[in-house]
Amino acid sequence: MSVVSGRFELTEVEYVQIASLLPVMKPQRGGRWRGHRQVINGILFRVRTGVPWRDVPSRYGPWKTLYKRFTRWQEDGTWARIEAALQADADAAGQLQWHGNADSTIVRAHQHAAGARKGG
């Protein structure tokens, strides 16, 4: 399969960075699994554009495959492992800023806006 290069797709360097964190591809029920890279590219397309799963272009594979792999990886912690590894790499390279701001502004609402009974 040739790798389609698009604006929502992983580069070779990006994919190599996360490939070892992905589950081993074991086809279930005798089927042939879609490659992880193709599926991740489809998931990225869906996440970045906000389209419904059914509207992801078919070049990424069946939408049900994308959805099932996305939810399976959410449940088994694959996405969390990828995020933690990428964050650690970026931090080690000095690419993260850990300074943040918190705003504690309080806005008072009228008593009726808070659900108080009318007519007291």
Protein backbone atom coordinates (compact mmCIF):
# COMPACT_ATOMS: atom_id res chain seq x y z
CA MET A 1 0.00 0.00 0.00
CA SER A 2 1.36 3.42 -0.84
CA VAL A 3 1.29 5.98 1.94
CA VAL A 4 -1.03 8.87 1.20
CA SER A 5 0.48 12.14 2.32
CA GLY A 6 -2.02 14.70 3.46
CA ARG A 7 -2.27 17.55 5.88
CA PHE A 8 -3.90 15.42 8.60
CA GLU A 9 -1.47 12.53 8.31
CA LEU A 10 1.60 11.53 10.27
CA THR A 11 4.99 12.02 8.70
CA GLU A 12 7.44 9.12 8.70
CA VAL A 13 9.35 10.67 11.61
CA GLU A 14 6.16 11.15 13.65
CA TYR A 15 4.99 7.60 13.04
CA VAL A 16 8.37 6.09 13.96
CA GLN A 17 8.22 8.08 17.20
CA ILE A 18 4.99 6.32 18.31
CA ALA A 19 5.14 2.96 16.49
CA SER A 20 6.69 1.08 19.41
CA LEU A 21 3.89 2.31 21.72
CA LEU A 22 1.13 0.77 19.61
CA PRO A 23 -0.36 -2.65 20.37
CA VAL A 24 0.90 -5.65 18.42
CA MET A 25 -1.27 -6.24 15.37
CA LYS A 26 -3.05 -9.57 15.90
CA PRO A 27 -5.93 -10.11 13.48
CA GLN A 28 -9.05 -11.31 15.23
CA ARG A 29 -11.52 -13.76 13.71
CA GLY A 30 -9.14 -14.48 10.85
CA GLY A 31 -9.47 -11.02 9.35
CA ARG A 32 -6.66 -8.85 8.04
CA TRP A 33 -6.08 -5.76 10.14
CA ARG A 34 -5.68 -2.33 8.64
CA GLY A 35 -2.24 -0.94 9.29
CA HIS A 36 -1.94 1.19 12.40
CA ARG A 37 -0.61 4.15 10.43
CA GLN A 38 -3.58 4.22 8.06
CA VAL A 39 -6.02 3.97 10.96
CA ILE A 40 -4.25 6.66 13.01
CA ASN A 41 -4.31 8.96 10.00
CA GLY A 42 -8.07 8.39 9.73
CA ILE A 43 -8.54 9.08 13.42
CA LEU A 44 -6.48 12.25 13.13
CA PHE A 45 -8.60 13.36 10.17
CA ARG A 46 -11.77 12.85 12.20
CA VAL A 47 -10.43 14.55 15.34
CA ARG A 48 -8.99 17.55 13.52
CA THR A 49 -11.97 18.17 11.23
CA GLY A 50 -14.78 17.20 13.61
CA VAL A 51 -16.67 15.21 10.98
CA PRO A 52 -18.84 12.28 12.10
CA TRP A 53 -17.08 8.90 12.00
CA ARG A 54 -19.21 7.86 9.01
CA ASP A 55 -17.88 10.81 6.99
CA VAL A 56 -14.17 10.02 7.30
CA PRO A 57 -12.82 9.42 3.74
CA SER A 58 -12.71 5.78 2.73
CA ARG A 59 -8.97 5.95 1.96
CA TYR A 60 -8.46 5.49 5.71
CA GLY A 61 -10.52 2.31 5.81
CA PRO A 62 -14.02 1.54 7.07
CA TRP A 63 -15.26 4.06 9.61
CA LYS A 64 -16.21 1.26 12.03
CA THR A 65 -12.59 0.08 12.06
CA LEU A 66 -11.41 3.59 12.91
CA TYR A 67 -13.99 4.00 15.63
CA LYS A 68 -13.36 0.59 17.19
CA ARG A 69 -9.58 1.05 17.23
CA PHE A 70 -9.98 4.58 18.66
CA THR A 71 -12.20 3.38 21.53
CA ARG A 72 -10.14 0.23 22.18
CA TRP A 73 -6.98 2.31 22.50
CA GLN A 74 -8.75 4.77 24.76
CA GLU A 75 -9.84 1.93 27.05
CA ASP A 76 -6.51 0.09 27.12
CA GLY A 77 -4.42 3.22 27.74
CA THR A 78 -2.64 3.35 24.38
CA TRP A 79 -3.48 7.02 23.82
CA ALA A 80 -2.33 7.90 27.35
CA ARG A 81 1.00 6.11 26.78
CA ILE A 82 1.52 7.94 23.49
CA GLU A 83 0.71 11.30 25.08
CA ALA A 84 3.04 10.67 28.04
CA ALA A 85 5.93 9.59 25.79
CA LEU A 86 5.55 12.55 23.42
CA GLN A 87 5.28 14.94 26.35
CA ALA A 88 8.43 13.47 27.95
CA ASP A 89 10.33 13.75 24.65
CA ALA A 90 9.23 17.35 24.17
CA ASP A 91 10.10 18.23 27.77
CA ALA A 92 13.57 16.65 27.44
CA ALA A 93 14.13 18.70 24.28
CA GLY A 94 13.07 21.89 26.08
CA GLN A 95 10.02 22.35 23.88
CA LEU A 96 7.46 22.63 26.68
CA GLN A 97 6.66 25.58 28.88
CA TRP A 98 5.42 24.53 32.29
CA HIS A 99 4.41 28.03 33.37
CA GLY A 100 0.69 28.55 33.53
CA ASN A 101 -1.82 31.09 34.73
CA ALA A 102 -4.96 30.58 36.75
CA ASP A 103 -7.73 33.15 36.80
CA SER A 104 -9.89 33.18 39.90
CA THR A 105 -12.35 35.82 38.73
CA ILE A 106 -15.74 35.55 40.39
CA VAL A 107 -18.85 36.72 38.62
CA ARG A 108 -21.89 37.11 40.81
CA ALA A 109 -25.22 36.25 39.29
CA HIS A 110 -28.62 37.62 40.22
CA GLN A 111 -30.48 35.33 42.64
CA HIS A 112 -33.01 34.42 39.98
CA ALA A 113 -30.27 33.33 37.64
CA ALA A 114 -29.14 30.84 40.29
CA GLY A 115 -32.51 29.08 40.47
CA ALA A 116 -33.96 30.81 43.53
CA ARG A 117 -37.73 30.70 43.94
CA LYS A 118 -39.56 33.68 42.55
CA GLY A 119 -41.70 35.75 44.85
CA GLY A 120 -39.61 34.84 47.90
